[in-house]
Amino acid sequence: MPQIKSAIKRVKTQEESRKRNAAQMNKLRTAVKKFKTAAAAGDEDASKLRLEAESALDKAASKGLIHKNKAARDKSRLAKLAK
């Protein structure tokens, strides 16, 4: 545990950020997984789930959780899977 006051504060904020980032990544992964399972099953609501997954990817990229190129690559793969 750090001794310096600013370092103690930094540890607290890092923990909050870690939890927030983990929650956002879980939402992203869940949205993508829901679409992939729906697309594999041939469900009618797959297009709606694809839009949700793409939105989650865009949000993650804008928040800095993933790189914008990874978001674009994943969106491209989802579109290819939807065809």
PDB file of N, CA and C in Angstrom:
ATOM      1  N   MET A   1       0.845  -1.177   0.000  1.00  0.00           N
ATOM      2  CA  MET A   1       0.000   0.000   0.000  1.00  0.00           C
ATOM      3  C   MET A   1       0.896   1.249   0.000  1.00  0.00           C
ATOM      4  N   PRO A   2       0.581   2.211  -0.827  1.00  0.00           N
ATOM      5  CA  PRO A   2       1.407   3.413  -0.889  1.00  0.00           C
ATOM      6  C   PRO A   2       1.292   4.255   0.385  1.00  0.00           C
ATOM      7  N   GLN A   3       2.335   5.025   0.621  1.00  0.00           N
ATOM      8  CA  GLN A   3       2.385   5.886   1.808  1.00  0.00           C
ATOM      9  C   GLN A   3       2.011   7.331   1.482  1.00  0.00           C
ATOM     10  N   ILE A   4       2.272   7.746   0.262  1.00  0.00           N
ATOM     11  CA  ILE A   4       2.029   9.127  -0.143  1.00  0.00           C
ATOM     12  C   ILE A   4       0.542   9.316  -0.441  1.00  0.00           C
ATOM     13  N   LYS A   5       0.019  10.451   0.002  1.00  0.00           N
ATOM     14  CA  LYS A   5      -1.418  10.707  -0.094  1.00  0.00           C
ATOM     15  C   LYS A   5      -1.920  10.646  -1.536  1.00  0.00           C
ATOM     16  N   SER A   6      -1.216  11.251  -2.461  1.00  0.00           N
ATOM     17  CA  SER A   6      -1.656  11.252  -3.862  1.00  0.00           C
ATOM     18  C   SER A   6      -1.623   9.842  -4.447  1.00  0.00           C
ATOM     19  N   ALA A   7      -0.649   9.038  -4.020  1.00  0.00           N
ATOM     20  CA  ALA A   7      -0.566   7.656  -4.490  1.00  0.00           C
ATOM     21  C   ALA A   7      -1.720   6.827  -3.941  1.00  0.00           C
ATOM     22  N   ILE A   8      -2.120   7.112  -2.702  1.00  0.00           N
ATOM     23  CA  ILE A   8      -3.269   6.412  -2.106  1.00  0.00           C
ATOM     24  C   ILE A   8      -4.537   6.740  -2.892  1.00  0.00           C
ATOM     25  N   LYS A   9      -4.715   8.016  -3.235  1.00  0.00           N
ATOM     26  CA  LYS A   9      -5.873   8.425  -4.032  1.00  0.00           C
ATOM     27  C   LYS A   9      -5.847   7.759  -5.399  1.00  0.00           C
ATOM     28  N   ARG A  10      -4.654   7.674  -5.979  1.00  0.00           N
ATOM     29  CA  ARG A  10      -4.526   7.076  -7.316  1.00  0.00           C
ATOM     30  C   ARG A  10      -4.930   5.609  -7.304  1.00  0.00           C
ATOM     31  N   VAL A  11      -4.573   4.894  -6.257  1.00  0.00           N
ATOM     32  CA  VAL A  11      -4.948   3.485  -6.130  1.00  0.00           C
ATOM     33  C   VAL A  11      -6.465   3.349  -6.113  1.00  0.00           C
ATOM     34  N   LYS A  12      -7.142   4.267  -5.386  1.00  0.00           N
ATOM     35  CA  LYS A  12      -8.604   4.222  -5.324  1.00  0.00           C
ATOM     36  C   LYS A  12      -9.224   4.471  -6.696  1.00  0.00           C
ATOM     37  N   THR A  13      -8.733   5.484  -7.395  1.00  0.00           N
ATOM     38  CA  THR A  13      -9.319   5.797  -8.702  1.00  0.00           C
ATOM     39  C   THR A  13      -9.014   4.701  -9.721  1.00  0.00           C
ATOM     40  N   GLN A  14      -7.843   4.088  -9.613  1.00  0.00           N
ATOM     41  CA  GLN A  14      -7.513   2.989 -10.523  1.00  0.00           C
ATOM     42  C   GLN A  14      -8.461   1.806 -10.315  1.00  0.00           C
ATOM     43  N   GLU A  15      -8.789   1.539  -9.071  1.00  0.00           N
ATOM     44  CA  GLU A  15      -9.705   0.426  -8.777  1.00  0.00           C
ATOM     45  C   GLU A  15     -11.101   0.714  -9.337  1.00  0.00           C
ATOM     46  N   GLU A  16     -11.569   1.957  -9.183  1.00  0.00           N
ATOM     47  CA  GLU A  16     -12.869   2.336  -9.732  1.00  0.00           C
ATOM     48  C   GLU A  16     -12.870   2.202 -11.250  1.00  0.00           C
ATOM     49  N   SER A  17     -11.788   2.667 -11.880  1.00  0.00           N
ATOM     50  CA  SER A  17     -11.687   2.580 -13.341  1.00  0.00           C
ATOM     51  C   SER A  17     -11.649   1.129 -13.798  1.00  0.00           C
ATOM     52  N   ARG A  18     -10.923   0.303 -13.060  1.00  0.00           N
ATOM     53  CA  ARG A  18     -10.810  -1.109 -13.426  1.00  0.00           C
ATOM     54  C   ARG A  18     -12.175  -1.786 -13.393  1.00  0.00           C
ATOM     55  N   LYS A  19     -12.952  -1.496 -12.350  1.00  0.00           N
ATOM     56  CA  LYS A  19     -14.289  -2.084 -12.246  1.00  0.00           C
ATOM     57  C   LYS A  19     -15.208  -1.583 -13.358  1.00  0.00           C
ATOM     58  N   ARG A  20     -15.148  -0.283 -13.633  1.00  0.00           N
ATOM     59  CA  ARG A  20     -15.978   0.299 -14.690  1.00  0.00           C
ATOM     60  C   ARG A  20     -15.611  -0.285 -16.054  1.00  0.00           C
ATOM     61  N   ASN A  21     -14.307  -0.375 -16.324  1.00  0.00           N
ATOM     62  CA  ASN A  21     -13.850  -0.923 -17.602  1.00  0.00           C
ATOM     63  C   ASN A  21     -14.258  -2.389 -17.746  1.00  0.00           C
ATOM     64  N   ALA A  22     -14.138  -3.146 -16.668  1.00  0.00           N
ATOM     65  CA  ALA A  22     -14.515  -4.564 -16.714  1.00  0.00           C
ATOM     66  C   ALA A  22     -16.002  -4.714 -17.013  1.00  0.00           C
ATOM     67  N   ALA A  23     -16.825  -3.873 -16.404  1.00  0.00           N
ATOM     68  CA  ALA A  23     -18.265  -3.942 -16.637  1.00  0.00           C
ATOM     69  C   ALA A  23     -18.598  -3.596 -18.088  1.00  0.00           C
ATOM     70  N   GLN A  24     -17.955  -2.566 -18.619  1.00  0.00           N
ATOM     71  CA  GLN A  24     -18.195  -2.171 -20.010  1.00  0.00           C
ATOM     72  C   GLN A  24     -17.757  -3.272 -20.975  1.00  0.00           C
ATOM     73  N   MET A  25     -16.617  -3.899 -20.704  1.00  0.00           N
ATOM     74  CA  MET A  25     -16.141  -4.967 -21.577  1.00  0.00           C
ATOM     75  C   MET A  25     -17.084  -6.172 -21.512  1.00  0.00           C
ATOM     76  N   ASN A  26     -17.634  -6.449 -20.333  1.00  0.00           N
ATOM     77  CA  ASN A  26     -18.590  -7.547 -20.212  1.00  0.00           C
ATOM     78  C   ASN A  26     -19.846  -7.266 -21.039  1.00  0.00           C
ATOM     79  N   LYS A  27     -20.323  -6.022 -21.002  1.00  0.00           N
ATOM     80  CA  LYS A  27     -21.489  -5.657 -21.811  1.00  0.00           C
ATOM     81  C   LYS A  27     -21.191  -5.829 -23.292  1.00  0.00           C
ATOM     82  N   LEU A  28     -20.003  -5.415 -23.690  1.00  0.00           N
ATOM     83  CA  LEU A  28     -19.598  -5.529 -25.093  1.00  0.00           C
ATOM     84  C   LEU A  28     -19.557  -6.989 -25.518  1.00  0.00           C
ATOM     85  N   ARG A  29     -18.889  -7.800 -24.745  1.00  0.00           N
ATOM     86  CA  ARG A  29     -18.751  -9.218 -25.094  1.00  0.00           C
ATOM     87  C   ARG A  29     -20.111  -9.910 -25.123  1.00  0.00           C
ATOM     88  N   THR A  30     -20.989  -9.564 -24.188  1.00  0.00           N
ATOM     89  CA  THR A  30     -22.317 -10.166 -24.142  1.00  0.00           C
ATOM     90  C   THR A  30     -23.125  -9.799 -25.375  1.00  0.00           C
ATOM     91  N   ALA A  31     -23.052  -8.519 -25.791  1.00  0.00           N
ATOM     92  CA  ALA A  31     -23.806  -8.077 -26.969  1.00  0.00           C
ATOM     93  C   ALA A  31     -23.326  -8.807 -28.216  1.00  0.00           C
ATOM     94  N   VAL A  32     -22.022  -8.944 -28.355  1.00  0.00           N
ATOM     95  CA  VAL A  32     -21.468  -9.627 -29.529  1.00  0.00           C
ATOM     96  C   VAL A  32     -21.845 -11.110 -29.507  1.00  0.00           C
ATOM     97  N   LYS A  33     -21.761 -11.715 -28.328  1.00  0.00           N
ATOM     98  CA  LYS A  33     -22.076 -13.135 -28.215  1.00  0.00           C
ATOM     99  C   LYS A  33     -23.550 -13.405 -28.515  1.00  0.00           C
ATOM    100  N   LYS A  34     -24.435 -12.507 -28.045  1.00  0.00           N
ATOM    101  CA  LYS A  34     -25.868 -12.673 -28.326  1.00  0.00           C
ATOM    102  C   LYS A  34     -26.122 -12.645 -29.823  1.00  0.00           C
ATOM    103  N   PHE A  35     -25.469 -11.708 -30.525  1.00  0.00           N
ATOM    104  CA  PHE A  35     -25.666 -11.636 -31.968  1.00  0.00           C
ATOM    105  C   PHE A  35     -25.134 -12.892 -32.651  1.00  0.00           C
ATOM    106  N   LYS A  36     -23.950 -13.340 -32.259  1.00  0.00           N
ATOM    107  CA  LYS A  36     -23.355 -14.506 -32.922  1.00  0.00           C
ATOM    108  C   LYS A  36     -24.221 -15.749 -32.746  1.00  0.00           C
ATOM    109  N   THR A  37     -24.781 -15.935 -31.556  1.00  0.00           N
ATOM    110  CA  THR A  37     -25.630 -17.106 -31.348  1.00  0.00           C
ATOM    111  C   THR A  37     -26.929 -16.974 -32.134  1.00  0.00           C
ATOM    112  N   ALA A  38     -27.475 -15.761 -32.201  1.00  0.00           N
ATOM    113  CA  ALA A  38     -28.707 -15.550 -32.970  1.00  0.00           C
ATOM    114  C   ALA A  38     -28.452 -15.740 -34.453  1.00  0.00           C
ATOM    115  N   ALA A  39     -27.316 -15.268 -34.942  1.00  0.00           N
ATOM    116  CA  ALA A  39     -26.988 -15.417 -36.365  1.00  0.00           C
ATOM    117  C   ALA A  39     -26.772 -16.890 -36.713  1.00  0.00           C
ATOM    118  N   ALA A  40     -26.135 -17.620 -35.823  1.00  0.00           N
ATOM    119  CA  ALA A  40     -25.901 -19.040 -36.071  1.00  0.00           C
ATOM    120  C   ALA A  40     -27.213 -19.813 -36.083  1.00  0.00           C
ATOM    121  N   ALA A  41     -28.156 -19.392 -35.245  1.00  0.00           N
ATOM    122  CA  ALA A  41     -29.449 -20.068 -35.181  1.00  0.00           C
ATOM    123  C   ALA A  41     -30.393 -19.595 -36.273  1.00  0.00           C
ATOM    124  N   GLY A  42     -30.067 -18.482 -36.919  1.00  0.00           N
ATOM    125  CA  GLY A  42     -30.915 -17.951 -37.971  1.00  0.00           C
ATOM    126  C   GLY A  42     -32.139 -17.224 -37.453  1.00  0.00           C
ATOM    127  N   ASP A  43     -32.035 -16.627 -36.286  1.00  0.00           N
ATOM    128  CA  ASP A  43     -33.162 -15.902 -35.701  1.00  0.00           C
ATOM    129  C   ASP A  43     -33.486 -14.644 -36.505  1.00  0.00           C
ATOM    130  N   GLU A  44     -34.747 -14.221 -36.405  1.00  0.00           N
ATOM    131  CA  GLU A  44     -35.193 -13.030 -37.132  1.00  0.00           C
ATOM    132  C   GLU A  44     -34.704 -11.745 -36.465  1.00  0.00           C
ATOM    133  N   ASP A  45     -34.490 -11.779 -35.153  1.00  0.00           N
ATOM    134  CA  ASP A  45     -34.060 -10.570 -34.446  1.00  0.00           C
ATOM    135  C   ASP A  45     -32.542 -10.380 -34.481  1.00  0.00           C
ATOM    136  N   ALA A  46     -31.845 -11.123 -35.333  1.00  0.00           N
ATOM    137  CA  ALA A  46     -30.393 -11.028 -35.414  1.00  0.00           C
ATOM    138  C   ALA A  46     -29.949  -9.644 -35.891  1.00  0.00           C
ATOM    139  N   SER A  47     -30.727  -9.031 -36.794  1.00  0.00           N
ATOM    140  CA  SER A  47     -30.335  -7.709 -37.290  1.00  0.00           C
ATOM    141  C   SER A  47     -30.398  -6.668 -36.175  1.00  0.00           C
ATOM    142  N   LYS A  48     -31.389  -6.791 -35.306  1.00  0.00           N
ATOM    143  CA  LYS A  48     -31.496  -5.878 -34.170  1.00  0.00           C
ATOM    144  C   LYS A  48     -30.326  -6.086 -33.205  1.00  0.00           C
ATOM    145  N   LEU A  49     -29.991  -7.335 -32.964  1.00  0.00           N
ATOM    146  CA  LEU A  49     -28.874  -7.652 -32.077  1.00  0.00           C
ATOM    147  C   LEU A  49     -27.548  -7.191 -32.680  1.00  0.00           C
ATOM    148  N   ARG A  50     -27.452  -7.234 -34.010  1.00  0.00           N
ATOM    149  CA  ARG A  50     -26.232  -6.750 -34.674  1.00  0.00           C
ATOM    150  C   ARG A  50     -26.060  -5.256 -34.447  1.00  0.00           C
ATOM    151  N   LEU A  51     -27.154  -4.508 -34.552  1.00  0.00           N
ATOM    152  CA  LEU A  51     -27.080  -3.069 -34.311  1.00  0.00           C
ATOM    153  C   LEU A  51     -26.653  -2.779 -32.870  1.00  0.00           C
ATOM    154  N   GLU A  52     -27.168  -3.553 -31.926  1.00  0.00           N
ATOM    155  CA  GLU A  52     -26.784  -3.376 -30.532  1.00  0.00           C
ATOM    156  C   GLU A  52     -25.311  -3.692 -30.318  1.00  0.00           C
ATOM    157  N   ALA A  53     -24.829  -4.745 -30.972  1.00  0.00           N
ATOM    158  CA  ALA A  53     -23.422  -5.115 -30.839  1.00  0.00           C
ATOM    159  C   ALA A  53     -22.521  -4.043 -31.445  1.00  0.00           C
ATOM    160  N   GLU A  54     -22.920  -3.514 -32.615  1.00  0.00           N
ATOM    161  CA  GLU A  54     -22.122  -2.462 -33.240  1.00  0.00           C
ATOM    162  C   GLU A  54     -22.119  -1.200 -32.384  1.00  0.00           C
ATOM    163  N   SER A  55     -23.244  -0.898 -31.770  1.00  0.00           N
ATOM    164  CA  SER A  55     -23.317   0.251 -30.879  1.00  0.00           C
ATOM    165  C   SER A  55     -22.396   0.057 -29.679  1.00  0.00           C
ATOM    166  N   ALA A  56     -22.378  -1.141 -29.126  1.00  0.00           N
ATOM    167  CA  ALA A  56     -21.505  -1.435 -27.991  1.00  0.00           C
ATOM    168  C   ALA A  56     -20.041  -1.306 -28.392  1.00  0.00           C
ATOM    169  N   LEU A  57     -19.712  -1.749 -29.601  1.00  0.00           N
ATOM    170  CA  LEU A  57     -18.337  -1.613 -30.088  1.00  0.00           C
ATOM    171  C   LEU A  57     -17.951  -0.147 -30.238  1.00  0.00           C
ATOM    172  N   ASP A  58     -18.869   0.657 -30.792  1.00  0.00           N
ATOM    173  CA  ASP A  58     -18.589   2.088 -30.958  1.00  0.00           C
ATOM    174  C   ASP A  58     -18.394   2.777 -29.611  1.00  0.00           C
ATOM    175  N   LYS A  59     -19.232   2.432 -28.642  1.00  0.00           N
ATOM    176  CA  LYS A  59     -19.113   3.032 -27.311  1.00  0.00           C
ATOM    177  C   LYS A  59     -17.784   2.654 -26.669  1.00  0.00           C
ATOM    178  N   ALA A  60     -17.402   1.395 -26.799  1.00  0.00           N
ATOM    179  CA  ALA A  60     -16.139   0.943 -26.210  1.00  0.00           C
ATOM    180  C   ALA A  60     -14.953   1.660 -26.857  1.00  0.00           C
ATOM    181  N   ALA A  61     -15.031   1.877 -28.168  1.00  0.00           N
ATOM    182  CA  ALA A  61     -13.951   2.578 -28.859  1.00  0.00           C
ATOM    183  C   ALA A  61     -13.896   4.042 -28.441  1.00  0.00           C
ATOM    184  N   SER A  62     -15.054   4.663 -28.288  1.00  0.00           N
ATOM    185  CA  SER A  62     -15.072   6.077 -27.915  1.00  0.00           C
ATOM    186  C   SER A  62     -14.592   6.293 -26.482  1.00  0.00           C
ATOM    187  N   LYS A  63     -14.796   5.293 -25.625  1.00  0.00           N
ATOM    188  CA  LYS A  63     -14.355   5.404 -24.241  1.00  0.00           C
ATOM    189  C   LYS A  63     -12.904   4.966 -24.059  1.00  0.00           C
ATOM    190  N   GLY A  64     -12.296   4.461 -25.117  1.00  0.00           N
ATOM    191  CA  GLY A  64     -10.895   4.058 -25.039  1.00  0.00           C
ATOM    192  C   GLY A  64     -10.685   2.647 -24.513  1.00  0.00           C
ATOM    193  N   LEU A  65     -11.738   1.859 -24.429  1.00  0.00           N
ATOM    194  CA  LEU A  65     -11.590   0.484 -23.962  1.00  0.00           C
ATOM    195  C   LEU A  65     -10.923  -0.382 -25.019  1.00  0.00           C
ATOM    196  N   ILE A  66     -11.277  -0.151 -26.275  1.00  0.00           N
ATOM    197  CA  ILE A  66     -10.657  -0.867 -27.381  1.00  0.00           C
ATOM    198  C   ILE A  66     -10.225   0.158 -28.421  1.00  0.00           C
ATOM    199  N   HIS A  67      -9.301  -0.223 -29.263  1.00  0.00           N
ATOM    200  CA  HIS A  67      -8.821   0.673 -30.316  1.00  0.00           C
ATOM    201  C   HIS A  67      -9.892   0.811 -31.389  1.00  0.00           C
ATOM    202  N   LYS A  68      -9.923   1.958 -32.042  1.00  0.00           N
ATOM    203  CA  LYS A  68     -10.958   2.198 -33.050  1.00  0.00           C
ATOM    204  C   LYS A  68     -10.821   1.240 -34.231  1.00  0.00           C
ATOM    205  N   ASN A  69      -9.599   0.825 -34.546  1.00  0.00           N
ATOM    206  CA  ASN A  69      -9.419  -0.135 -35.642  1.00  0.00           C
ATOM    207  C   ASN A  69      -9.972  -1.510 -35.268  1.00  0.00           C
ATOM    208  N   LYS A  70      -9.846  -1.890 -34.011  1.00  0.00           N
ATOM    209  CA  LYS A  70     -10.418  -3.167 -33.565  1.00  0.00           C
ATOM    210  C   LYS A  70     -11.933  -3.114 -33.642  1.00  0.00           C
ATOM    211  N   ALA A  71     -12.508  -1.971 -33.278  1.00  0.00           N
ATOM    212  CA  ALA A  71     -13.962  -1.824 -33.362  1.00  0.00           C
ATOM    213  C   ALA A  71     -14.415  -1.944 -34.814  1.00  0.00           C
ATOM    214  N   ALA A  72     -13.700  -1.295 -35.727  1.00  0.00           N
ATOM    215  CA  ALA A  72     -14.053  -1.356 -37.140  1.00  0.00           C
ATOM    216  C   ALA A  72     -13.908  -2.774 -37.673  1.00  0.00           C
ATOM    217  N   ARG A  73     -12.843  -3.451 -37.273  1.00  0.00           N
ATOM    218  CA  ARG A  73     -12.616  -4.826 -37.725  1.00  0.00           C
ATOM    219  C   ARG A  73     -13.716  -5.751 -37.219  1.00  0.00           C
ATOM    220  N   ASP A  74     -14.079  -5.607 -35.950  1.00  0.00           N
ATOM    221  CA  ASP A  74     -15.125  -6.453 -35.379  1.00  0.00           C
ATOM    222  C   ASP A  74     -16.482  -6.174 -36.018  1.00  0.00           C
ATOM    223  N   LYS A  75     -16.779  -4.899 -36.296  1.00  0.00           N
ATOM    224  CA  LYS A  75     -18.042  -4.553 -36.951  1.00  0.00           C
ATOM    225  C   LYS A  75     -18.093  -5.150 -38.353  1.00  0.00           C
ATOM    226  N   SER A  76     -16.968  -5.122 -39.036  1.00  0.00           N
ATOM    227  CA  SER A  76     -16.905  -5.713 -40.380  1.00  0.00           C
ATOM    228  C   SER A  76     -17.162  -7.218 -40.316  1.00  0.00           C
ATOM    229  N   ARG A  77     -16.594  -7.862 -39.337  1.00  0.00           N
ATOM    230  CA  ARG A  77     -16.792  -9.311 -39.192  1.00  0.00           C
ATOM    231  C   ARG A  77     -18.237  -9.639 -38.834  1.00  0.00           C
ATOM    232  N   LEU A  78     -18.865  -8.789 -38.018  1.00  0.00           N
ATOM    233  CA  LEU A  78     -20.268  -9.009 -37.683  1.00  0.00           C
ATOM    234  C   LEU A  78     -21.158  -8.855 -38.923  1.00  0.00           C
ATOM    235  N   ALA A  79     -20.839  -7.837 -39.750  1.00  0.00           N
ATOM    236  CA  ALA A  79     -21.617  -7.629 -40.967  1.00  0.00           C
ATOM    237  C   ALA A  79     -21.460  -8.815 -41.913  1.00  0.00           C
ATOM    238  N   LYS A  80     -20.259  -9.322 -42.003  1.00  0.00           N
ATOM    239  CA  LYS A  80     -20.003 -10.482 -42.872  1.00  0.00           C
ATOM    240  C   LYS A  80     -20.759 -11.701 -42.359  1.00  0.00           C
ATOM    241  N   LEU A  81     -20.815 -11.847 -41.055  1.00  0.00           N
ATOM    242  CA  LEU A  81     -21.523 -12.973 -40.452  1.00  0.00           C
ATOM    243  C   LEU A  81     -23.041 -12.855 -40.661  1.00  0.00           C
ATOM    244  N   ALA A  82     -23.532 -11.635 -40.754  1.00  0.00           N
ATOM    245  CA  ALA A  82     -24.973 -11.397 -40.900  1.00  0.00           C
ATOM    246  C   ALA A  82     -25.475 -11.761 -42.286  1.00  0.00           C
ATOM    247  N   LYS A  83     -24.594 -11.766 -43.254  1.00  0.00           N
ATOM    248  CA  LYS A  83     -25.023 -12.053 -44.636  1.00  0.00           C
ATOM    249  C   LYS A  83     -25.444 -13.482 -44.820  1.00  0.00           C
TER     250      LYS A  83
END
